[in-house]
Amino acid sequence: MSSLVPATTALAQLVSRYHVCWEVWPEYALIGQKSRQVGFELELLGSDKDLSEFAPVCRKAMEIHAALEAVARWALVGDEQVSCEISPPDTSLRYSSVRENRPDVTLSIKILHRTGFDVPVDDNERDYLEKAKARLRQLGACEHRWYFAKPGSGGELAAV
């Protein structure tokens, strides 16, 4: 267990440095004439608090994406029933008033059934998503908007 502590400490430092937040969106598939929810998209967002602007394909953006990917790989634990697809680096920045229009690098993760693209979302995907969110909270990541939260506290301490 001692080898996990430094890894989580380093990841928590990345979360704090890049003010990592997450959003969850439903993932739909068109089945015949109707759309059906088949999973979730877990989107991680990070920005450099010391830079007001940077290019989406610059070294800094790639550094933030690498940090988001490291956080995602730690938060996504194996499950035989669920498939996770991590997107390649995006060549754009996202701006949202929820995060005060900061320039965000994003990493998208699709949480789906391991088999059958058209299978409706079920408890396997819901449980997996909740476990991933709990692990993100362990590192100090926040839902929607960045708050300074001690890793593992799960609470919002102060808006930054």
Protein backbone atom coordinates (compact mmCIF):
# COMPACT_ATOMS: atom_id res chain seq x y z
CA MET A 1 0.00 0.00 0.00
CA SER A 2 2.91 2.36 0.61
CA SER A 3 3.61 2.50 -3.14
CA LEU A 4 0.03 3.73 -3.75
CA VAL A 5 0.39 6.71 -1.41
CA PRO A 6 3.05 8.50 -3.48
CA ALA A 7 1.09 7.81 -6.68
CA THR A 8 -2.13 9.25 -5.28
CA THR A 9 -0.23 12.19 -3.77
CA ALA A 10 1.33 12.97 -7.16
CA LEU A 11 -2.06 12.68 -8.88
CA ALA A 12 -3.69 14.89 -6.23
CA GLN A 13 -0.98 17.48 -6.91
CA LEU A 14 -1.82 17.38 -10.63
CA VAL A 15 -5.53 17.78 -9.82
CA SER A 16 -4.75 20.82 -7.67
CA ARG A 17 -2.28 22.32 -10.14
CA TYR A 18 -4.67 22.06 -13.09
CA HIS A 19 -7.91 22.64 -11.15
CA VAL A 20 -9.38 19.41 -12.47
CA CYS A 21 -13.17 19.25 -12.69
CA TRP A 22 -15.54 16.78 -14.26
CA GLU A 23 -18.91 16.71 -15.98
CA VAL A 24 -21.13 13.71 -16.74
CA TRP A 25 -23.29 13.48 -19.85
CA PRO A 26 -25.62 10.73 -21.05
CA GLU A 27 -24.37 8.72 -24.03
CA TYR A 28 -27.08 7.89 -26.57
CA ALA A 29 -27.34 5.56 -29.55
CA LEU A 30 -29.93 5.74 -32.29
CA ILE A 31 -31.86 2.46 -32.32
CA GLY A 32 -34.25 2.40 -35.26
CA GLN A 33 -36.17 5.68 -35.02
CA LYS A 34 -35.51 6.29 -31.30
CA SER A 35 -32.51 7.28 -29.26
CA ARG A 36 -31.64 5.23 -26.20
CA GLN A 37 -29.21 5.96 -23.40
CA VAL A 38 -26.49 3.32 -23.60
CA GLY A 39 -23.92 4.74 -21.21
CA PHE A 40 -22.23 7.86 -19.95
CA GLU A 41 -19.57 10.29 -21.02
CA LEU A 42 -17.32 11.34 -18.15
CA GLU A 43 -15.49 14.48 -19.18
CA LEU A 44 -12.41 15.68 -17.29
CA LEU A 45 -11.44 19.34 -17.64
CA GLY A 46 -8.24 21.04 -16.60
CA SER A 47 -6.59 24.41 -17.01
CA ASP A 48 -3.41 26.14 -15.94
CA LYS A 49 -4.35 28.75 -13.36
CA ASP A 50 -1.17 30.71 -14.15
CA LEU A 51 -2.05 31.20 -17.83
CA SER A 52 -5.02 33.21 -19.05
CA GLU A 53 -4.61 32.03 -22.65
CA PHE A 54 -2.78 29.25 -24.44
CA ALA A 55 -3.13 27.40 -27.72
CA PRO A 56 -4.98 24.07 -27.83
CA VAL A 57 -2.03 22.27 -29.42
CA CYS A 58 0.81 23.88 -27.47
CA ARG A 59 3.14 22.08 -25.09
CA LYS A 60 1.14 23.27 -22.05
CA ALA A 61 -2.16 21.87 -23.43
CA MET A 62 -0.48 18.52 -24.13
CA GLU A 63 0.94 18.54 -20.59
CA ILE A 64 -2.53 19.15 -19.13
CA HIS A 65 -4.02 16.40 -21.32
CA ALA A 66 -1.34 13.97 -20.11
CA ALA A 67 -2.20 14.88 -16.50
CA LEU A 68 -5.93 14.35 -17.17
CA GLU A 69 -5.17 10.97 -18.74
CA ALA A 70 -3.08 9.89 -15.73
CA VAL A 71 -5.92 10.91 -13.39
CA ALA A 72 -8.47 9.09 -15.56
CA ARG A 73 -6.46 5.87 -15.71
CA TRP A 74 -6.22 5.86 -11.90
CA ALA A 75 -9.92 6.64 -11.41
CA LEU A 76 -11.11 3.98 -13.87
CA VAL A 77 -10.85 0.62 -12.18
CA GLY A 78 -11.29 -2.61 -14.14
CA ASP A 79 -14.74 -4.14 -14.53
CA GLU A 80 -15.66 -7.13 -16.69
CA GLN A 81 -19.13 -5.74 -17.47
CA VAL A 82 -18.11 -2.21 -18.49
CA SER A 83 -16.01 -0.79 -21.31
CA CYS A 84 -14.19 2.55 -20.99
CA GLU A 85 -12.97 4.42 -24.03
CA ILE A 86 -10.58 7.33 -23.44
CA SER A 87 -10.59 9.83 -26.29
CA PRO A 88 -7.40 11.01 -28.01
CA PRO A 89 -6.27 14.59 -27.34
CA ASP A 90 -8.74 17.20 -28.56
CA THR A 91 -7.39 20.08 -30.64
CA SER A 92 -9.68 22.67 -29.10
CA LEU A 93 -10.18 24.39 -25.78
CA ARG A 94 -13.51 24.57 -23.99
CA TYR A 95 -14.82 27.68 -22.28
CA SER A 96 -17.75 27.59 -19.85
CA SER A 97 -19.29 30.27 -17.69
CA VAL A 98 -19.61 27.61 -14.95
CA ARG A 99 -15.80 27.69 -14.72
CA GLU A 100 -15.53 31.46 -15.29
CA ASN A 101 -14.64 30.98 -18.98
CA ARG A 102 -11.20 29.62 -18.23
CA PRO A 103 -9.54 27.82 -21.17
CA ASP A 104 -10.09 24.11 -20.44
CA VAL A 105 -8.33 21.13 -21.95
CA THR A 106 -10.75 18.20 -22.01
CA LEU A 107 -10.51 14.44 -21.86
CA SER A 108 -13.60 12.42 -22.72
CA ILE A 109 -14.26 8.93 -21.37
CA LYS A 110 -17.16 6.83 -22.64
CA ILE A 111 -18.54 4.33 -20.14
CA LEU A 112 -20.48 1.65 -22.03
CA HIS A 113 -21.41 -2.04 -21.92
CA ARG A 114 -18.53 -4.32 -22.77
CA THR A 115 -20.72 -6.01 -25.41
CA GLY A 116 -23.59 -4.64 -27.45
CA PHE A 117 -23.48 -0.95 -28.42
CA ASP A 118 -27.28 -0.71 -28.19
CA VAL A 119 -27.82 -2.21 -24.70
CA PRO A 120 -29.65 0.26 -22.43
CA VAL A 121 -27.68 1.76 -19.56
CA ASP A 122 -28.00 -0.37 -16.42
CA ASP A 123 -26.70 -0.63 -12.85
CA ASN A 124 -23.27 -1.81 -14.06
CA GLU A 125 -22.58 1.50 -15.82
CA ARG A 126 -24.18 3.55 -13.02
CA ASP A 127 -22.11 1.80 -10.33
CA TYR A 128 -18.94 2.13 -12.38
CA LEU A 129 -19.56 5.86 -12.87
CA GLU A 130 -20.17 6.37 -9.13
CA LYS A 131 -16.93 4.55 -8.28
CA ALA A 132 -14.99 6.69 -10.79
CA LYS A 133 -16.50 9.89 -9.35
CA ALA A 134 -15.62 8.79 -5.81
CA ARG A 135 -12.02 8.16 -6.87
CA LEU A 136 -11.88 11.58 -8.55
CA ARG A 137 -13.13 13.16 -5.32
CA GLN A 138 -10.39 11.26 -3.44
CA LEU A 139 -7.85 13.21 -5.48
CA GLY A 140 -9.61 16.54 -4.86
CA ALA A 141 -11.27 16.87 -8.29
CA CYS A 142 -14.60 18.70 -8.30
CA GLU A 143 -17.84 18.30 -10.20
CA HIS A 144 -18.68 21.21 -12.56
CA ARG A 145 -16.53 23.91 -10.97
CA TRP A 146 -13.20 24.03 -9.16
CA TYR A 147 -13.18 24.41 -5.41
CA PHE A 148 -10.15 23.96 -3.25
CA ALA A 149 -10.92 20.65 -1.57
CA LYS A 150 -8.48 18.51 0.31
CA PRO A 151 -8.01 15.19 -1.50
CA GLY A 152 -10.33 12.60 -0.02
CA SER A 153 -12.49 15.16 1.79
CA GLY A 154 -15.29 15.10 -0.77
CA GLY A 155 -16.31 18.54 0.44
CA GLU A 156 -16.13 22.00 -0.99
CA LEU A 157 -13.95 24.20 1.16
CA ALA A 158 -13.49 27.47 -0.69
CA ALA A 159 -14.15 28.68 -4.19
CA VAL A 160 -11.06 29.70 -6.11
